[in-house]
Protein backbone atom coordinates (compact mmCIF):
# COMPACT_ATOMS: atom_id res chain seq x y z
CA MET A 1 -15.34 -7.42 19.57
CA ALA A 2 -16.48 -3.94 18.76
CA LYS A 3 -19.56 -3.16 16.74
CA LEU A 4 -18.60 -0.71 14.03
CA ASN A 5 -20.75 2.12 12.70
CA ILE A 6 -22.12 1.42 9.24
CA VAL A 7 -21.68 4.37 6.91
CA THR A 8 -24.76 5.27 4.88
CA TYR A 9 -25.10 6.95 1.51
CA PRO A 10 -24.12 9.70 0.50
CA ALA A 11 -20.86 9.26 2.47
CA GLU A 12 -17.94 9.91 0.11
CA VAL A 13 -16.00 6.78 1.18
CA LEU A 14 -18.73 4.61 -0.39
CA GLU A 15 -17.78 5.84 -3.86
CA THR A 16 -14.02 5.67 -3.31
CA VAL A 17 -11.77 3.18 -5.07
CA CYS A 18 -10.14 1.35 -2.16
CA GLU A 19 -6.43 0.85 -1.51
CA LYS A 20 -4.83 -2.60 -1.58
CA VAL A 21 -4.01 -4.13 1.79
CA ILE A 22 -0.26 -4.49 2.27
CA GLU A 23 0.03 -5.18 6.00
CA PHE A 24 -1.42 -8.41 7.34
CA ASP A 25 -1.21 -7.72 11.07
CA ARG A 26 -3.24 -7.83 14.30
CA LYS A 27 -5.06 -4.65 13.32
CA LEU A 28 -6.36 -6.37 10.17
CA VAL A 29 -7.47 -9.43 12.15
CA LYS A 30 -9.35 -7.20 14.62
CA LEU A 31 -10.98 -5.29 11.77
CA LEU A 32 -12.10 -8.53 10.06
CA ASN A 33 -13.58 -9.84 13.32
CA ASP A 34 -15.32 -6.53 14.07
CA MET A 35 -16.68 -6.30 10.51
CA TYR A 36 -18.06 -9.83 10.72
CA GLU A 37 -19.80 -9.15 14.06
CA THR A 38 -21.17 -5.85 12.73
CA MET A 39 -22.52 -7.58 9.60
CA LEU A 40 -24.26 -10.30 11.64
CA GLU A 41 -25.75 -7.79 14.06
CA ALA A 42 -27.08 -5.75 11.11
CA ASP A 43 -28.59 -8.92 9.59
CA GLY A 44 -26.44 -8.61 6.47
CA VAL A 45 -24.76 -11.24 4.29
CA GLY A 46 -21.79 -9.08 3.35
CA LEU A 47 -19.90 -6.02 4.50
CA ALA A 48 -17.08 -4.13 2.81
CA ALA A 49 -14.53 -1.94 4.59
CA PRO A 50 -15.75 1.31 2.98
CA GLN A 51 -19.11 0.63 4.62
CA VAL A 52 -17.39 1.11 7.98
CA GLY A 53 -15.44 4.14 6.75
CA ILE A 54 -12.21 2.37 5.74
CA ALA A 55 -11.07 2.73 2.11
CA GLN A 56 -9.22 -0.60 1.91
CA GLN A 57 -9.88 -3.73 -0.18
CA ILE A 58 -11.41 -5.80 2.62
CA ALA A 59 -14.81 -7.51 2.74
CA VAL A 60 -16.56 -10.27 4.64
CA VAL A 61 -19.36 -12.46 3.28
CA ASP A 62 -21.51 -15.15 4.87
CA VAL A 63 -24.67 -16.20 3.06
CA GLY A 64 -25.37 -19.01 5.52
CA ASP A 65 -24.23 -21.84 3.24
CA GLU A 66 -21.48 -24.46 3.58
CA HIS A 67 -18.80 -21.85 2.81
CA GLY A 68 -19.54 -20.05 6.08
CA ARG A 69 -17.47 -16.95 6.81
CA ILE A 70 -15.49 -15.74 3.79
CA GLU A 71 -12.85 -13.06 4.23
CA LEU A 72 -11.85 -11.27 1.05
CA ILE A 73 -8.70 -9.18 1.01
CA ASN A 74 -7.58 -7.61 -2.29
CA PRO A 75 -10.18 -9.69 -4.22
CA VAL A 76 -10.21 -9.92 -8.02
CA ILE A 77 -12.87 -11.55 -10.18
CA LEU A 78 -10.95 -13.84 -12.54
CA GLU A 79 -13.90 -15.26 -14.41
CA GLN A 80 -17.63 -14.69 -14.63
CA ARG A 81 -20.37 -16.15 -16.77
CA GLY A 82 -24.08 -16.63 -17.00
CA GLU A 83 -26.69 -14.23 -15.78
CA GLN A 84 -29.08 -13.93 -12.87
CA ILE A 85 -31.50 -11.20 -11.92
CA GLY A 86 -32.55 -10.94 -8.31
CA PRO A 87 -33.21 -8.75 -5.30
CA GLU A 88 -30.44 -6.86 -3.56
CA GLY A 89 -30.25 -4.53 -0.64
CA CYS A 90 -27.31 -2.86 1.07
CA LEU A 91 -26.58 -2.02 4.69
CA SER A 92 -25.47 1.45 3.50
CA PHE A 93 -28.94 2.02 1.96
CA PRO A 94 -31.33 1.01 4.77
CA GLY A 95 -34.78 0.01 3.51
CA LEU A 96 -33.86 0.23 -0.20
CA PHE A 97 -34.12 -2.88 -2.37
CA GLY A 98 -33.95 -3.41 -6.10
CA GLU A 99 -33.56 -5.98 -8.85
CA VAL A 100 -29.97 -6.28 -10.07
CA LYS A 101 -28.46 -8.25 -12.94
CA ARG A 102 -25.26 -10.11 -12.02
CA ALA A 103 -23.16 -12.99 -13.35
CA ASP A 104 -24.48 -16.37 -12.15
CA TYR A 105 -20.96 -17.81 -11.75
CA VAL A 106 -17.78 -16.15 -10.53
CA LYS A 107 -14.26 -17.28 -9.83
CA VAL A 108 -12.54 -14.99 -7.35
CA ARG A 109 -8.94 -14.75 -6.23
CA ALA A 110 -8.33 -13.11 -2.86
CA GLN A 111 -6.08 -13.26 0.18
CA ASP A 112 -6.92 -14.49 3.66
CA ARG A 113 -6.13 -12.74 6.94
CA ARG A 114 -2.56 -14.08 6.82
CA GLY A 115 -1.96 -12.88 3.27
CA ARG A 116 -2.22 -16.30 1.65
CA ALA A 117 -3.81 -16.28 -1.81
CA TYR A 118 -6.77 -18.55 -2.54
CA THR A 119 -9.43 -18.93 -5.21
CA LEU A 120 -13.13 -19.45 -4.70
CA GLU A 121 -15.82 -20.43 -7.19
CA ALA A 122 -19.43 -19.52 -6.53
CA THR A 123 -22.84 -19.57 -8.17
CA GLY A 124 -26.26 -18.18 -7.36
CA PHE A 125 -26.73 -16.14 -4.20
CA LEU A 126 -23.10 -16.44 -3.05
CA ALA A 127 -21.88 -15.25 -6.48
CA ARG A 128 -24.27 -12.28 -6.18
CA ALA A 129 -23.01 -11.39 -2.68
CA LEU A 130 -19.35 -11.63 -3.73
CA GLN A 131 -19.92 -9.35 -6.73
CA HIS A 132 -21.83 -6.84 -4.59
CA GLU A 133 -19.01 -6.61 -2.01
CA ILE A 134 -16.22 -6.51 -4.61
CA ASP A 135 -18.10 -3.65 -6.33
CA HIS A 136 -17.97 -1.74 -3.02
CA LEU A 137 -14.17 -1.95 -3.08
CA LYS A 138 -14.20 -0.25 -6.50
CA GLY A 139 -16.55 2.49 -5.31
CA VAL A 140 -19.47 1.00 -7.28
CA LEU A 141 -22.84 0.97 -5.53
CA PHE A 142 -25.67 -1.45 -6.26
CA THR A 143 -27.96 1.52 -6.96
CA SER A 144 -26.01 2.12 -10.20
CA LYS A 145 -27.02 -1.37 -11.37
CA VAL A 146 -30.66 -1.52 -10.27
CA ILE A 147 -33.08 -2.46 -13.04
CA ARG A 148 -36.14 -1.73 -10.92
CA TYR A 149 -36.66 -0.69 -7.29
CA TYR A 150 -39.10 -2.66 -5.17
CA GLU A 151 -42.10 -0.98 -3.61
CA GLU A 152 -42.56 -1.48 0.13
CA GLU A 153 -45.64 -3.68 -0.41
CA GLU A 154 -43.61 -6.10 -2.55
CA LEU A 155 -41.14 -6.62 0.28
CA GLU A 156 -43.69 -7.40 2.97
CA GLY A 157 -44.85 -10.68 1.36
């Protein structure tokens, strides 16, 4: 598995609306595996393809819960409700953290590495991570949703 380079802001690809994935082939499988390894090595809980310079609707998420590794291809949020406000960071914005308002519950439809459609329901931290990564695929960065940035001292606690 190859570790990929994580693109940092202000790279143009981060604000690009990504293309749908049409080919579910070995190249996609390799990319998903490489993205997952890269995310783990960077100590992240999610990584979207534009963050590794690829403008396609692909993301991986693993918040360390019972869902484990989630691969999202061409994801769509079908339903969202409730509200949560909490801390977010982004591997494309090293050292930057802020409070972001998100839905507390989401229902997402996506495809797996073989192109099969599935739905996933999530609440809390997983719902937050899914929304963050799906935003990336639309060219939306968490910095556009930050209510308040954290000071360095607040993060050290």
